Amino acid sequence: MSEINKDKIKHIAHLARIGIDDEQAEKYAKQMNGILDYMKILEEVDTSNVKMTTQVTGLKSVMRSDEVKQYSSPDDLLDCSVLSKLNHSIVVKAIIKE
């Protein structure tokens, strides 16, 4: 992996719409390279006999099954609304006047 320099940091800052000056970019480049150098330690760990971990909570399924419910009329559904109703529809304020 190539070294992170201040130009790359300034480019990332530009993409994130963050204004930084050259001094800050130099400081962040040094910090980022320090972090990446530290992470290289992980390349030395032998993980050949370790199973891939894709889920750590033990949950099997967090989705509920869909349940079909029958309603006697559309008005039953409209009764859930506190808005005014007229002819099986909810009445909303007009925003475009002709």
C-alpha atoms as a PDB file:
ATOM      1  CA  MET A   1       0.000   0.000   0.000  1.00  0.00           C
ATOM      2  CA  SER A   2       1.330   3.415  -0.870  1.00  0.00           C
ATOM      3  CA  GLU A   3       2.032   6.013   1.754  1.00  0.00           C
ATOM      4  CA  ILE A   4      -0.643   8.540   2.563  1.00  0.00           C
ATOM      5  CA  ASN A   5       0.663  12.026   1.794  1.00  0.00           C
ATOM      6  CA  LYS A   6      -0.819  15.445   2.429  1.00  0.00           C
ATOM      7  CA  ASP A   7      -2.167  15.633  -1.150  1.00  0.00           C
ATOM      8  CA  LYS A   8      -4.228  12.491  -0.580  1.00  0.00           C
ATOM      9  CA  ILE A   9      -5.491  13.869   2.717  1.00  0.00           C
ATOM     10  CA  LYS A  10      -6.465  17.149   1.054  1.00  0.00           C
ATOM     11  CA  HIS A  11      -8.247  15.201  -1.700  1.00  0.00           C
ATOM     12  CA  ILE A  12     -10.206  13.192   0.875  1.00  0.00           C
ATOM     13  CA  ALA A  13     -11.031  16.395   2.754  1.00  0.00           C
ATOM     14  CA  HIS A  14     -12.261  17.945  -0.483  1.00  0.00           C
ATOM     15  CA  LEU A  15     -14.514  14.960  -1.175  1.00  0.00           C
ATOM     16  CA  ALA A  16     -15.893  15.213   2.361  1.00  0.00           C
ATOM     17  CA  ARG A  17     -16.303  18.979   1.969  1.00  0.00           C
ATOM     18  CA  ILE A  18     -13.988  19.620   4.918  1.00  0.00           C
ATOM     19  CA  GLY A  19     -11.706  22.606   4.705  1.00  0.00           C
ATOM     20  CA  ILE A  20      -8.171  21.929   5.968  1.00  0.00           C
ATOM     21  CA  ASP A  21      -4.910  23.767   5.455  1.00  0.00           C
ATOM     22  CA  ASP A  22      -1.479  22.355   4.533  1.00  0.00           C
ATOM     23  CA  GLU A  23      -0.359  22.125   8.158  1.00  0.00           C
ATOM     24  CA  GLN A  24      -3.417  20.085   9.145  1.00  0.00           C
ATOM     25  CA  ALA A  25      -3.061  17.884   6.056  1.00  0.00           C
ATOM     26  CA  GLU A  26       0.559  17.123   6.949  1.00  0.00           C
ATOM     27  CA  LYS A  27      -0.430  16.292  10.542  1.00  0.00           C
ATOM     28  CA  TYR A  28      -3.293  14.002   9.443  1.00  0.00           C
ATOM     29  CA  ALA A  29      -1.068  12.276   6.855  1.00  0.00           C
ATOM     30  CA  LYS A  30       1.463  11.397   9.587  1.00  0.00           C
ATOM     31  CA  GLN A  31      -1.309  10.151  11.872  1.00  0.00           C
ATOM     32  CA  MET A  32      -2.906   8.063   9.118  1.00  0.00           C
ATOM     33  CA  ASN A  33       0.419   6.489   8.179  1.00  0.00           C
ATOM     34  CA  GLY A  34       1.015   5.678  11.857  1.00  0.00           C
ATOM     35  CA  ILE A  35      -2.365   3.950  12.057  1.00  0.00           C
ATOM     36  CA  LEU A  36      -1.756   1.986   8.855  1.00  0.00           C
ATOM     37  CA  ASP A  37       1.740   0.954  10.009  1.00  0.00           C
ATOM     38  CA  TYR A  38       0.286  -0.288  13.292  1.00  0.00           C
ATOM     39  CA  MET A  39      -2.376  -2.281  11.437  1.00  0.00           C
ATOM     40  CA  LYS A  40       0.343  -4.111   9.459  1.00  0.00           C
ATOM     41  CA  ILE A  41       0.853  -6.176  12.614  1.00  0.00           C
ATOM     42  CA  LEU A  42      -2.323  -8.032  11.680  1.00  0.00           C
ATOM     43  CA  GLU A  43      -0.651  -9.348   8.530  1.00  0.00           C
ATOM     44  CA  GLU A  44       1.678 -11.379  10.766  1.00  0.00           C
ATOM     45  CA  VAL A  45      -1.172 -13.284  12.450  1.00  0.00           C
ATOM     46  CA  ASP A  46      -1.800 -16.785  11.111  1.00  0.00           C
ATOM     47  CA  THR A  47      -5.537 -17.033  10.442  1.00  0.00           C
ATOM     48  CA  SER A  48      -5.454 -20.067   8.147  1.00  0.00           C
ATOM     49  CA  ASN A  49      -7.314 -22.303  10.655  1.00  0.00           C
ATOM     50  CA  VAL A  50      -9.827 -19.683  11.787  1.00  0.00           C
ATOM     51  CA  LYS A  51     -13.387 -19.873  10.497  1.00  0.00           C
ATOM     52  CA  MET A  52     -14.796 -16.735   8.959  1.00  0.00           C
ATOM     53  CA  THR A  53     -17.035 -14.809  11.345  1.00  0.00           C
ATOM     54  CA  THR A  54     -20.119 -13.389   9.702  1.00  0.00           C
ATOM     55  CA  GLN A  55     -22.455 -13.167  12.683  1.00  0.00           C
ATOM     56  CA  VAL A  56     -21.541 -12.844  16.353  1.00  0.00           C
ATOM     57  CA  THR A  57     -24.838 -12.453  18.221  1.00  0.00           C
ATOM     58  CA  GLY A  58     -26.146 -15.988  17.742  1.00  0.00           C
ATOM     59  CA  LEU A  59     -29.465 -14.759  16.388  1.00  0.00           C
ATOM     60  CA  LYS A  60     -30.962 -16.975  13.721  1.00  0.00           C
ATOM     61  CA  SER A  61     -33.679 -14.738  12.302  1.00  0.00           C
ATOM     62  CA  VAL A  62     -34.756 -11.325  13.461  1.00  0.00           C
ATOM     63  CA  MET A  63     -37.495 -10.961  10.868  1.00  0.00           C
ATOM     64  CA  ARG A  64     -41.076 -11.684  11.788  1.00  0.00           C
ATOM     65  CA  SER A  65     -43.292 -13.606   9.439  1.00  0.00           C
ATOM     66  CA  ASP A  66     -45.834 -11.639   7.456  1.00  0.00           C
ATOM     67  CA  GLU A  67     -49.388 -11.983   8.644  1.00  0.00           C
ATOM     68  CA  VAL A  68     -52.336 -11.319   6.378  1.00  0.00           C
ATOM     69  CA  LYS A  69     -55.162  -9.549   8.179  1.00  0.00           C
ATOM     70  CA  GLN A  70     -58.632  -9.126   6.820  1.00  0.00           C
ATOM     71  CA  TYR A  71     -60.506  -5.883   7.312  1.00  0.00           C
ATOM     72  CA  SER A  72     -64.236  -5.644   6.878  1.00  0.00           C
ATOM     73  CA  SER A  73     -64.062  -2.343   5.018  1.00  0.00           C
ATOM     74  CA  PRO A  74     -61.658   0.411   3.941  1.00  0.00           C
ATOM     75  CA  ASP A  75     -63.378   2.672   6.454  1.00  0.00           C
ATOM     76  CA  ASP A  76     -61.952   0.529   9.257  1.00  0.00           C
ATOM     77  CA  LEU A  77     -58.469   1.478   8.070  1.00  0.00           C
ATOM     78  CA  LEU A  78     -59.404   5.149   7.715  1.00  0.00           C
ATOM     79  CA  ASP A  79     -60.699   5.176  11.285  1.00  0.00           C
ATOM     80  CA  CYS A  80     -57.045   4.966  12.422  1.00  0.00           C
ATOM     81  CA  SER A  81     -56.493   8.490  11.123  1.00  0.00           C
ATOM     82  CA  VAL A  82     -57.382  11.639  13.050  1.00  0.00           C
ATOM     83  CA  LEU A  83     -57.645  13.553   9.770  1.00  0.00           C
ATOM     84  CA  SER A  84     -60.983  14.434   8.206  1.00  0.00           C
ATOM     85  CA  LYS A  85     -62.551  11.849   5.908  1.00  0.00           C
ATOM     86  CA  LEU A  86     -64.897  12.245   2.952  1.00  0.00           C
ATOM     87  CA  ASN A  87     -66.120   9.536   0.554  1.00  0.00           C
ATOM     88  CA  HIS A  88     -63.737   6.829   1.815  1.00  0.00           C
ATOM     89  CA  SER A  89     -60.687   9.146   1.529  1.00  0.00           C
ATOM     90  CA  ILE A  90     -58.667  11.346   3.837  1.00  0.00           C
ATOM     91  CA  VAL A  91     -59.198  15.042   3.178  1.00  0.00           C
ATOM     92  CA  VAL A  92     -56.006  17.079   2.852  1.00  0.00           C
ATOM     93  CA  LYS A  93     -55.555  20.800   2.416  1.00  0.00           C
ATOM     94  CA  ALA A  94     -55.113  21.881  -1.206  1.00  0.00           C
ATOM     95  CA  ILE A  95     -51.695  23.353  -1.919  1.00  0.00           C
ATOM     96  CA  ILE A  96     -52.281  24.204  -5.580  1.00  0.00           C
ATOM     97  CA  LYS A  97     -55.163  26.446  -6.390  1.00  0.00           C
ATOM     98  CA  GLU A  98     -56.509  26.578  -9.910  1.00  0.00           C
END
